[in-house]
């Protein structure tokens, strides 16, 4: 009878949410992007199912949409406070830009020795084709109501006024990012010069107060909640076509775009 009772004795529950990919609105990157709409039901289950002692986030993201990053991070905080469940983030290859925004939604952040962390900045990239069009004898015809409606049109020469306006918009988003990091990390940050878009590796991120330590998810959660702690994993499901490697030409283009996010960190 005693062995049976031991088997029935349940350890602490830690629900694990895997967040891996580029952060973008629903429908981008073949439906595999991280966004608030698709993650909402997953996060709800993770915070409510099994009366967890904690929620651990396995995070691997090069960033993406500032708005989706904010929405996901805010949802994590709301659920954590509503359910009185602490959140721990475990960064894998990279938690940069919007990925680091998500990490800051956790109460504590842990990384691998080689994790890439930071990139607290805003970037906008495009191409200019106006000279190529001139050489090919192609005339661009655009008619707008509102002088700034076609701001930064890649098919015409770049205007200084457009660049000035873009940088003003970027600064506002950057200020929001900085405020979020300062609010979440507080006195743990060692400097106010961590917001230049630079990245740090492993222990350097710890030394700068961007993260709390070097640790891996499984061992750390068992150390904190007992060797008998049960780790239940939640995550996004891939479509049937994705699982078998099928895709359309649209998905191919999305894959190329997604690779540009990862490649800036050498991944």
C-alpha atoms as a PDB file:
ATOM      1  CA  UNK A   1       0.000   0.000   0.000  1.00  0.00           C
ATOM      2  CA  UNK A   2       2.830   2.438   0.852  1.00  0.00           C
ATOM      3  CA  UNK A   3       4.540   2.144  -2.578  1.00  0.00           C
ATOM      4  CA  UNK A   4       1.194   2.875  -4.249  1.00  0.00           C
ATOM      5  CA  UNK A   5       0.708   5.990  -2.117  1.00  0.00           C
ATOM      6  CA  UNK A   6       4.182   7.161  -3.049  1.00  0.00           C
ATOM      7  CA  UNK A   7       3.319   6.831  -6.715  1.00  0.00           C
ATOM      8  CA  UNK A   8       0.135   8.828  -6.187  1.00  0.00           C
ATOM      9  CA  UNK A   9       2.016  11.610  -4.426  1.00  0.00           C
ATOM     10  CA  UNK A  10       2.390  14.409  -6.921  1.00  0.00           C
ATOM     11  CA  UNK A  11       5.310  16.822  -7.150  1.00  0.00           C
ATOM     12  CA  UNK A  12       5.076  20.519  -7.865  1.00  0.00           C
ATOM     13  CA  UNK A  13       3.837  21.447 -11.334  1.00  0.00           C
ATOM     14  CA  UNK A  14       5.878  23.799 -13.513  1.00  0.00           C
ATOM     15  CA  UNK A  15       4.243  24.579 -16.836  1.00  0.00           C
ATOM     16  CA  UNK A  16       6.676  25.299 -19.651  1.00  0.00           C
ATOM     17  CA  UNK A  17       5.798  27.521 -22.611  1.00  0.00           C
ATOM     18  CA  UNK A  18       8.051  27.267 -25.649  1.00  0.00           C
ATOM     19  CA  UNK A  19       8.312  30.541 -27.576  1.00  0.00           C
ATOM     20  CA  UNK A  20      10.486  30.063 -30.644  1.00  0.00           C
ATOM     21  CA  UNK A  21      10.471  32.172 -33.784  1.00  0.00           C
ATOM     22  CA  UNK A  22      10.115  35.651 -35.185  1.00  0.00           C
ATOM     23  CA  UNK A  23       7.563  37.934 -33.536  1.00  0.00           C
ATOM     24  CA  UNK A  24       4.997  39.104 -36.102  1.00  0.00           C
ATOM     25  CA  UNK A  25       1.283  39.538 -36.647  1.00  0.00           C
ATOM     26  CA  UNK A  26      -0.905  36.516 -37.331  1.00  0.00           C
ATOM     27  CA  UNK A  27      -0.482  35.027 -40.806  1.00  0.00           C
ATOM     28  CA  UNK A  28       3.178  35.941 -41.247  1.00  0.00           C
ATOM     29  CA  UNK A  29       5.875  33.326 -41.808  1.00  0.00           C
ATOM     30  CA  UNK A  30       3.442  30.578 -42.733  1.00  0.00           C
ATOM     31  CA  UNK A  31       1.494  31.010 -39.505  1.00  0.00           C
ATOM     32  CA  UNK A  32       4.527  30.083 -37.412  1.00  0.00           C
ATOM     33  CA  UNK A  33       5.213  33.553 -36.047  1.00  0.00           C
ATOM     34  CA  UNK A  34       4.887  34.479 -32.388  1.00  0.00           C
ATOM     35  CA  UNK A  35       1.948  36.826 -31.845  1.00  0.00           C
ATOM     36  CA  UNK A  36      -0.624  37.614 -29.195  1.00  0.00           C
ATOM     37  CA  UNK A  37      -3.574  36.086 -31.074  1.00  0.00           C
ATOM     38  CA  UNK A  38      -2.028  32.613 -31.376  1.00  0.00           C
ATOM     39  CA  UNK A  39      -0.263  32.616 -28.017  1.00  0.00           C
ATOM     40  CA  UNK A  40      -3.223  33.824 -25.923  1.00  0.00           C
ATOM     41  CA  UNK A  41      -4.886  30.389 -25.472  1.00  0.00           C
ATOM     42  CA  UNK A  42      -1.514  28.695 -24.897  1.00  0.00           C
ATOM     43  CA  UNK A  43      -0.538  31.154 -22.182  1.00  0.00           C
ATOM     44  CA  UNK A  44      -3.976  30.927 -20.585  1.00  0.00           C
ATOM     45  CA  UNK A  45      -3.672  27.142 -20.284  1.00  0.00           C
ATOM     46  CA  UNK A  46      -0.111  27.334 -19.007  1.00  0.00           C
ATOM     47  CA  UNK A  47      -1.017  29.670 -16.142  1.00  0.00           C
ATOM     48  CA  UNK A  48      -4.244  27.893 -15.171  1.00  0.00           C
ATOM     49  CA  UNK A  49      -3.806  24.171 -15.818  1.00  0.00           C
ATOM     50  CA  UNK A  50      -2.703  22.002 -12.907  1.00  0.00           C
ATOM     51  CA  UNK A  51      -2.265  24.858 -10.405  1.00  0.00           C
ATOM     52  CA  UNK A  52       1.384  25.428 -11.371  1.00  0.00           C
ATOM     53  CA  UNK A  53       3.973  26.662  -8.891  1.00  0.00           C
ATOM     54  CA  UNK A  54       5.608  28.556 -11.753  1.00  0.00           C
ATOM     55  CA  UNK A  55       5.561  29.110 -15.498  1.00  0.00           C
ATOM     56  CA  UNK A  56       8.889  28.709 -17.288  1.00  0.00           C
ATOM     57  CA  UNK A  57       9.379  30.226 -20.733  1.00  0.00           C
ATOM     58  CA  UNK A  58      11.817  28.517 -23.098  1.00  0.00           C
ATOM     59  CA  UNK A  59      12.663  31.463 -25.327  1.00  0.00           C
ATOM     60  CA  UNK A  60      14.430  31.603 -28.672  1.00  0.00           C
ATOM     61  CA  UNK A  61      13.639  34.683 -30.760  1.00  0.00           C
ATOM     62  CA  UNK A  62      15.581  37.292 -32.774  1.00  0.00           C
ATOM     63  CA  UNK A  63      12.728  39.789 -32.357  1.00  0.00           C
ATOM     64  CA  UNK A  64      10.236  41.330 -34.741  1.00  0.00           C
ATOM     65  CA  UNK A  65       7.113  43.435 -34.226  1.00  0.00           C
ATOM     66  CA  UNK A  66       7.318  45.923 -31.308  1.00  0.00           C
ATOM     67  CA  UNK A  67       3.535  45.887 -30.901  1.00  0.00           C
ATOM     68  CA  UNK A  68       3.231  42.094 -30.769  1.00  0.00           C
ATOM     69  CA  UNK A  69       6.171  41.964 -28.349  1.00  0.00           C
ATOM     70  CA  UNK A  70       4.376  44.432 -26.092  1.00  0.00           C
ATOM     71  CA  UNK A  71       1.035  42.593 -26.319  1.00  0.00           C
ATOM     72  CA  UNK A  72       2.550  39.191 -25.517  1.00  0.00           C
ATOM     73  CA  UNK A  73       4.675  40.584 -22.684  1.00  0.00           C
ATOM     74  CA  UNK A  74       1.697  42.410 -21.178  1.00  0.00           C
ATOM     75  CA  UNK A  75      -0.424  39.241 -21.330  1.00  0.00           C
ATOM     76  CA  UNK A  76       2.262  37.263 -19.507  1.00  0.00           C
ATOM     77  CA  UNK A  77       2.408  39.905 -16.778  1.00  0.00           C
ATOM     78  CA  UNK A  78      -1.392  40.067 -16.401  1.00  0.00           C
ATOM     79  CA  UNK A  79      -1.700  36.311 -16.050  1.00  0.00           C
ATOM     80  CA  UNK A  80       1.232  36.123 -13.644  1.00  0.00           C
ATOM     81  CA  UNK A  81      -0.293  38.732 -11.359  1.00  0.00           C
ATOM     82  CA  UNK A  82      -3.856  37.419 -11.673  1.00  0.00           C
ATOM     83  CA  UNK A  83      -2.893  33.818 -10.886  1.00  0.00           C
ATOM     84  CA  UNK A  84      -0.060  34.742  -8.487  1.00  0.00           C
ATOM     85  CA  UNK A  85       2.335  32.521 -10.458  1.00  0.00           C
ATOM     86  CA  UNK A  86       5.983  33.567 -10.914  1.00  0.00           C
ATOM     87  CA  UNK A  87       7.554  33.492 -14.386  1.00  0.00           C
ATOM     88  CA  UNK A  88      11.081  32.394 -15.278  1.00  0.00           C
ATOM     89  CA  UNK A  89      12.586  32.909 -18.743  1.00  0.00           C
ATOM     90  CA  UNK A  90      15.282  30.609 -20.119  1.00  0.00           C
ATOM     91  CA  UNK A  91      16.938  32.059 -23.230  1.00  0.00           C
ATOM     92  CA  UNK A  92      18.403  29.636 -25.720  1.00  0.00           C
ATOM     93  CA  UNK A  93      20.314  30.710 -28.869  1.00  0.00           C
ATOM     94  CA  UNK A  94      19.062  34.282 -28.886  1.00  0.00           C
ATOM     95  CA  UNK A  95      16.703  36.624 -27.050  1.00  0.00           C
ATOM     96  CA  UNK A  96      17.304  39.872 -28.878  1.00  0.00           C
ATOM     97  CA  UNK A  97      15.242  42.951 -29.667  1.00  0.00           C
ATOM     98  CA  UNK A  98      11.594  41.857 -29.278  1.00  0.00           C
ATOM     99  CA  UNK A  99      12.866  38.523 -27.965  1.00  0.00           C
ATOM    100  CA  UNK A 100      14.512  40.329 -25.065  1.00  0.00           C
ATOM    101  CA  UNK A 101      11.300  42.332 -24.558  1.00  0.00           C
ATOM    102  CA  UNK A 102       9.533  38.989 -23.963  1.00  0.00           C
ATOM    103  CA  UNK A 103      12.296  37.815 -21.624  1.00  0.00           C
ATOM    104  CA  UNK A 104      11.772  40.942 -19.516  1.00  0.00           C
ATOM    105  CA  UNK A 105       8.180  39.870 -18.900  1.00  0.00           C
ATOM    106  CA  UNK A 106       9.643  37.200 -16.599  1.00  0.00           C
ATOM    107  CA  UNK A 107      10.521  37.753 -12.954  1.00  0.00           C
ATOM    108  CA  UNK A 108      13.938  36.197 -13.511  1.00  0.00           C
ATOM    109  CA  UNK A 109      15.916  35.557 -16.710  1.00  0.00           C
ATOM    110  CA  UNK A 110      18.469  32.784 -17.216  1.00  0.00           C
ATOM    111  CA  UNK A 111      20.730  32.113 -20.201  1.00  0.00           C
ATOM    112  CA  UNK A 112      23.252  29.667 -21.588  1.00  0.00           C
ATOM    113  CA  UNK A 113      26.935  30.621 -21.608  1.00  0.00           C
ATOM    114  CA  UNK A 114      26.639  31.274 -25.363  1.00  0.00           C
ATOM    115  CA  UNK A 115      23.186  32.895 -25.549  1.00  0.00           C
ATOM    116  CA  UNK A 116      22.952  36.182 -27.466  1.00  0.00           C
ATOM    117  CA  UNK A 117      21.100  38.793 -25.422  1.00  0.00           C
ATOM    118  CA  UNK A 118      20.058  42.428 -25.856  1.00  0.00           C
ATOM    119  CA  UNK A 119      19.784  44.427 -29.078  1.00  0.00           C
ATOM    120  CA  UNK A 120      17.648  47.033 -27.318  1.00  0.00           C
ATOM    121  CA  UNK A 121      16.974  49.200 -30.337  1.00  0.00           C
ATOM    122  CA  UNK A 122      14.757  49.721 -33.377  1.00  0.00           C
ATOM    123  CA  UNK A 123      15.652  49.001 -36.996  1.00  0.00           C
ATOM    124  CA  UNK A 124      14.035  49.678 -40.345  1.00  0.00           C
ATOM    125  CA  UNK A 125      15.521  48.343 -43.580  1.00  0.00           C
ATOM    126  CA  UNK A 126      14.567  48.779 -47.217  1.00  0.00           C
ATOM    127  CA  UNK A 127      15.976  49.154 -50.746  1.00  0.00           C
ATOM    128  CA  UNK A 128      16.113  51.971 -53.275  1.00  0.00           C
ATOM    129  CA  UNK A 129      15.384  51.255 -56.945  1.00  0.00           C
ATOM    130  CA  UNK A 130      15.025  54.715 -58.470  1.00  0.00           C
ATOM    131  CA  UNK A 131      18.355  54.659 -60.380  1.00  0.00           C
ATOM    132  CA  UNK A 132      17.679  51.183 -61.764  1.00  0.00           C
ATOM    133  CA  UNK A 133      14.267  52.306 -62.971  1.00  0.00           C
ATOM    134  CA  UNK A 134      15.752  55.334 -64.690  1.00  0.00           C
ATOM    135  CA  UNK A 135      18.291  53.153 -66.503  1.00  0.00           C
ATOM    136  CA  UNK A 136      15.534  50.823 -67.649  1.00  0.00           C
ATOM    137  CA  UNK A 137      13.330  53.698 -68.807  1.00  0.00           C
ATOM    138  CA  UNK A 138      10.598  52.886 -66.283  1.00  0.00           C
ATOM    139  CA  UNK A 139       8.485  55.768 -65.037  1.00  0.00           C
ATOM    140  CA  UNK A 140       6.903  55.568 -61.582  1.00  0.00           C
ATOM    141  CA  UNK A 141       3.446  57.191 -61.297  1.00  0.00           C
ATOM    142  CA  UNK A 142       2.010  57.664 -57.812  1.00  0.00           C
ATOM    143  CA  UNK A 143      -0.781  60.043 -56.846  1.00  0.00           C
ATOM    144  CA  UNK A 144      -1.614  60.741 -53.196  1.00  0.00           C
ATOM    145  CA  UNK A 145      -3.831  62.935 -51.064  1.00  0.00           C
ATOM    146  CA  UNK A 146      -1.457  63.967 -48.302  1.00  0.00           C
ATOM    147  CA  UNK A 147       2.171  64.868 -48.956  1.00  0.00           C
ATOM    148  CA  UNK A 148       3.567  62.184 -46.637  1.00  0.00           C
ATOM    149  CA  UNK A 149       1.378  59.328 -47.844  1.00  0.00           C
ATOM    150  CA  UNK A 150       4.175  57.775 -49.909  1.00  0.00           C
ATOM    151  CA  UNK A 151       6.923  58.276 -47.356  1.00  0.00           C
ATOM    152  CA  UNK A 152      10.103  56.304 -48.100  1.00  0.00           C
ATOM    153  CA  UNK A 153       8.832  55.001 -51.430  1.00  0.00           C
ATOM    154  CA  UNK A 154      11.666  52.663 -52.569  1.00  0.00           C
ATOM    155  CA  UNK A 155      11.027  53.562 -56.209  1.00  0.00           C
ATOM    156  CA  UNK A 156      11.965  57.221 -55.848  1.00  0.00           C
ATOM    157  CA  UNK A 157      14.986  59.078 -54.482  1.00  0.00           C
ATOM    158  CA  UNK A 158      15.157  59.156 -50.718  1.00  0.00           C
ATOM    159  CA  UNK A 159      14.026  62.453 -49.186  1.00  0.00           C
ATOM    160  CA  UNK A 160      15.786  63.852 -46.064  1.00  0.00           C
ATOM    161  CA  UNK A 161      12.407  64.847 -44.623  1.00  0.00           C
ATOM    162  CA  UNK A 162      11.234  61.220 -44.833  1.00  0.00           C
ATOM    163  CA  UNK A 163      14.341  59.967 -43.026  1.00  0.00           C
ATOM    164  CA  UNK A 164      13.913  62.593 -40.304  1.00  0.00           C
ATOM    165  CA  UNK A 165      10.299  61.553 -39.789  1.00  0.00           C
ATOM    166  CA  UNK A 166      11.211  57.842 -39.683  1.00  0.00           C
ATOM    167  CA  UNK A 167      13.894  58.454 -37.061  1.00  0.00           C
ATOM    168  CA  UNK A 168      11.391  60.379 -34.941  1.00  0.00           C
ATOM    169  CA  UNK A 169       9.009  57.406 -35.078  1.00  0.00           C
ATOM    170  CA  UNK A 170      11.831  54.997 -34.248  1.00  0.00           C
ATOM    171  CA  UNK A 171      12.870  57.094 -31.239  1.00  0.00           C
ATOM    172  CA  UNK A 172       9.380  56.839 -29.728  1.00  0.00           C
ATOM    173  CA  UNK A 173       9.384  53.055 -30.083  1.00  0.00           C
ATOM    174  CA  UNK A 174      12.943  52.897 -28.715  1.00  0.00           C
ATOM    175  CA  UNK A 175      11.907  55.009 -25.703  1.00  0.00           C
ATOM    176  CA  UNK A 176       9.044  52.573 -25.037  1.00  0.00           C
ATOM    177  CA  UNK A 177      11.481  49.650 -25.194  1.00  0.00           C
ATOM    178  CA  UNK A 178      13.898  51.343 -22.799  1.00  0.00           C
ATOM    179  CA  UNK A 179      11.105  52.162 -20.346  1.00  0.00           C
ATOM    180  CA  UNK A 180       9.929  48.526 -20.405  1.00  0.00           C
ATOM    181  CA  UNK A 181      13.419  47.181 -19.678  1.00  0.00           C
ATOM    182  CA  UNK A 182      14.049  49.724 -16.922  1.00  0.00           C
ATOM    183  CA  UNK A 183      10.691  48.964 -15.308  1.00  0.00           C
ATOM    184  CA  UNK A 184      11.183  45.213 -15.361  1.00  0.00           C
ATOM    185  CA  UNK A 185      14.917  45.034 -14.561  1.00  0.00           C
ATOM    186  CA  UNK A 186      15.131  48.050 -12.230  1.00  0.00           C
ATOM    187  CA  UNK A 187      18.255  48.283 -10.087  1.00  0.00           C
ATOM    188  CA  UNK A 188      19.631  45.078 -11.555  1.00  0.00           C
ATOM    189  CA  UNK A 189      20.832  47.060 -14.583  1.00  0.00           C
ATOM    190  CA  UNK A 190      24.408  48.213 -14.093  1.00  0.00           C
ATOM    191  CA  UNK A 191      24.363  51.114 -16.555  1.00  0.00           C
ATOM    192  CA  UNK A 192      22.108  53.419 -18.551  1.00  0.00           C
ATOM    193  CA  UNK A 193      24.289  52.775 -21.616  1.00  0.00           C
ATOM    194  CA  UNK A 194      22.818  49.363 -22.399  1.00  0.00           C
ATOM    195  CA  UNK A 195      20.263  50.637 -24.905  1.00  0.00           C
ATOM    196  CA  UNK A 196      22.413  51.193 -27.994  1.00  0.00           C
ATOM    197  CA  UNK A 197      21.328  48.058 -29.853  1.00  0.00           C
ATOM    198  CA  UNK A 198      24.458  46.150 -28.774  1.00  0.00           C
ATOM    199  CA  UNK A 199      24.269  42.452 -27.867  1.00  0.00           C
ATOM    200  CA  UNK A 200      26.004  40.520 -25.090  1.00  0.00           C
ATOM    201  CA  UNK A 201      26.921  36.859 -24.692  1.00  0.00           C
ATOM    202  CA  UNK A 202      26.118  34.749 -21.628  1.00  0.00           C
ATOM    203  CA  UNK A 203      28.042  35.967 -18.580  1.00  0.00           C
ATOM    204  CA  UNK A 204      28.484  39.472 -20.010  1.00  0.00           C
ATOM    205  CA  UNK A 205      24.695  39.806 -20.009  1.00  0.00           C
ATOM    206  CA  UNK A 206      24.674  38.635 -16.385  1.00  0.00           C
ATOM    207  CA  UNK A 207      27.380  41.145 -15.406  1.00  0.00           C
ATOM    208  CA  UNK A 208      25.398  43.980 -17.014  1.00  0.00           C
ATOM    209  CA  UNK A 209      22.216  43.025 -15.149  1.00  0.00           C
ATOM    210  CA  UNK A 210      20.279  42.194 -18.304  1.00  0.00           C
ATOM    211  CA  UNK A 211      19.747  38.649 -17.002  1.00  0.00           C
ATOM    212  CA  UNK A 212      20.013  36.930 -13.626  1.00  0.00           C
ATOM    213  CA  UNK A 213      22.280  33.987 -14.185  1.00  0.00           C
ATOM    214  CA  UNK A 214      23.556  31.037 -16.204  1.00  0.00           C
ATOM    215  CA  UNK A 215      21.169  28.083 -15.958  1.00  0.00           C
ATOM    216  CA  UNK A 216      19.152  25.610 -18.017  1.00  0.00           C
ATOM    217  CA  UNK A 217      15.417  25.171 -17.620  1.00  0.00           C
ATOM    218  CA  UNK A 218      15.055  21.588 -16.367  1.00  0.00           C
ATOM    219  CA  UNK A 219      17.812  21.541 -13.738  1.00  0.00           C
ATOM    220  CA  UNK A 220      16.990  25.044 -12.470  1.00  0.00           C
ATOM    221  CA  UNK A 221      13.289  24.333 -12.041  1.00  0.00           C
ATOM    222  CA  UNK A 222      14.011  21.091 -10.214  1.00  0.00           C
ATOM    223  CA  UNK A 223      16.524  22.885  -8.018  1.00  0.00           C
ATOM    224  CA  UNK A 224      13.900  25.486  -7.123  1.00  0.00           C
ATOM    225  CA  UNK A 225      10.790  23.289  -6.888  1.00  0.00           C
ATOM    226  CA  UNK A 226      12.138  19.845  -6.031  1.00  0.00           C
ATOM    227  CA  UNK A 227      13.510  16.869  -7.920  1.00  0.00           C
ATOM    228  CA  UNK A 228       9.990  15.487  -8.248  1.00  0.00           C
ATOM    229  CA  UNK A 229       8.714  18.651  -9.992  1.00  0.00           C
ATOM    230  CA  UNK A 230       6.713  17.844 -13.131  1.00  0.00           C
ATOM    231  CA  UNK A 231       7.434  19.935 -16.230  1.00  0.00           C
ATOM    232  CA  UNK A 232       4.450  20.157 -18.586  1.00  0.00           C
ATOM    233  CA  UNK A 233       5.299  21.643 -21.995  1.00  0.00           C
ATOM    234  CA  UNK A 234       2.961  23.934 -23.948  1.00  0.00           C
ATOM    235  CA  UNK A 235       3.662  25.356 -27.391  1.00  0.00           C
ATOM    236  CA  UNK A 236       2.408  26.214 -30.855  1.00  0.00           C
ATOM    237  CA  UNK A 237       1.432  23.362 -33.138  1.00  0.00           C
ATOM    238  CA  UNK A 238       2.766  23.326 -36.668  1.00  0.00           C
ATOM    239  CA  UNK A 239       0.349  22.838 -39.518  1.00  0.00           C
ATOM    240  CA  UNK A 240       0.192  19.414 -41.170  1.00  0.00           C
ATOM    241  CA  UNK A 241       1.914  20.782 -44.282  1.00  0.00           C
ATOM    242  CA  UNK A 242       4.704  22.328 -42.200  1.00  0.00           C
ATOM    243  CA  UNK A 243       5.287  19.108 -40.272  1.00  0.00           C
ATOM    244  CA  UNK A 244       5.767  17.149 -43.494  1.00  0.00           C
ATOM    245  CA  UNK A 245       7.918  19.833 -45.100  1.00  0.00           C
ATOM    246  CA  UNK A 246       5.418  21.002 -47.701  1.00  0.00           C
ATOM    247  CA  UNK A 247       5.023  24.666 -48.509  1.00  0.00           C
ATOM    248  CA  UNK A 248       3.861  27.144 -51.106  1.00  0.00           C
ATOM    249  CA  UNK A 249       5.845  29.801 -52.932  1.00  0.00           C
ATOM    250  CA  UNK A 250       4.465  32.269 -50.372  1.00  0.00           C
ATOM    251  CA  UNK A 251       5.926  30.166 -47.576  1.00  0.00           C
ATOM    252  CA  UNK A 252       9.282  30.085 -49.367  1.00  0.00           C
ATOM    253  CA  UNK A 253       9.353  33.884 -49.428  1.00  0.00           C
ATOM    254  CA  UNK A 254       8.321  33.958 -45.771  1.00  0.00           C
ATOM    255  CA  UNK A 255      11.133  31.549 -44.917  1.00  0.00           C
ATOM    256  CA  UNK A 256      13.634  33.822 -46.659  1.00  0.00           C
ATOM    257  CA  UNK A 257      12.327  36.830 -44.746  1.00  0.00           C
ATOM    258  CA  UNK A 258      12.467  34.888 -41.485  1.00  0.00           C
ATOM    259  CA  UNK A 259      16.059  33.856 -42.145  1.00  0.00           C
ATOM    260  CA  UNK A 260      17.073  37.534 -42.368  1.00  0.00           C
ATOM    261  CA  UNK A 261      15.993  38.015 -38.750  1.00  0.00           C
ATOM    262  CA  UNK A 262      18.099  35.089 -37.536  1.00  0.00           C
ATOM    263  CA  UNK A 263      21.110  35.744 -39.795  1.00  0.00           C
ATOM    264  CA  UNK A 264      21.899  39.116 -38.224  1.00  0.00           C
ATOM    265  CA  UNK A 265      22.961  37.129 -35.132  1.00  0.00           C
ATOM    266  CA  UNK A 266      24.931  34.548 -37.112  1.00  0.00           C
ATOM    267  CA  UNK A 267      22.215  31.880 -36.775  1.00  0.00           C
END
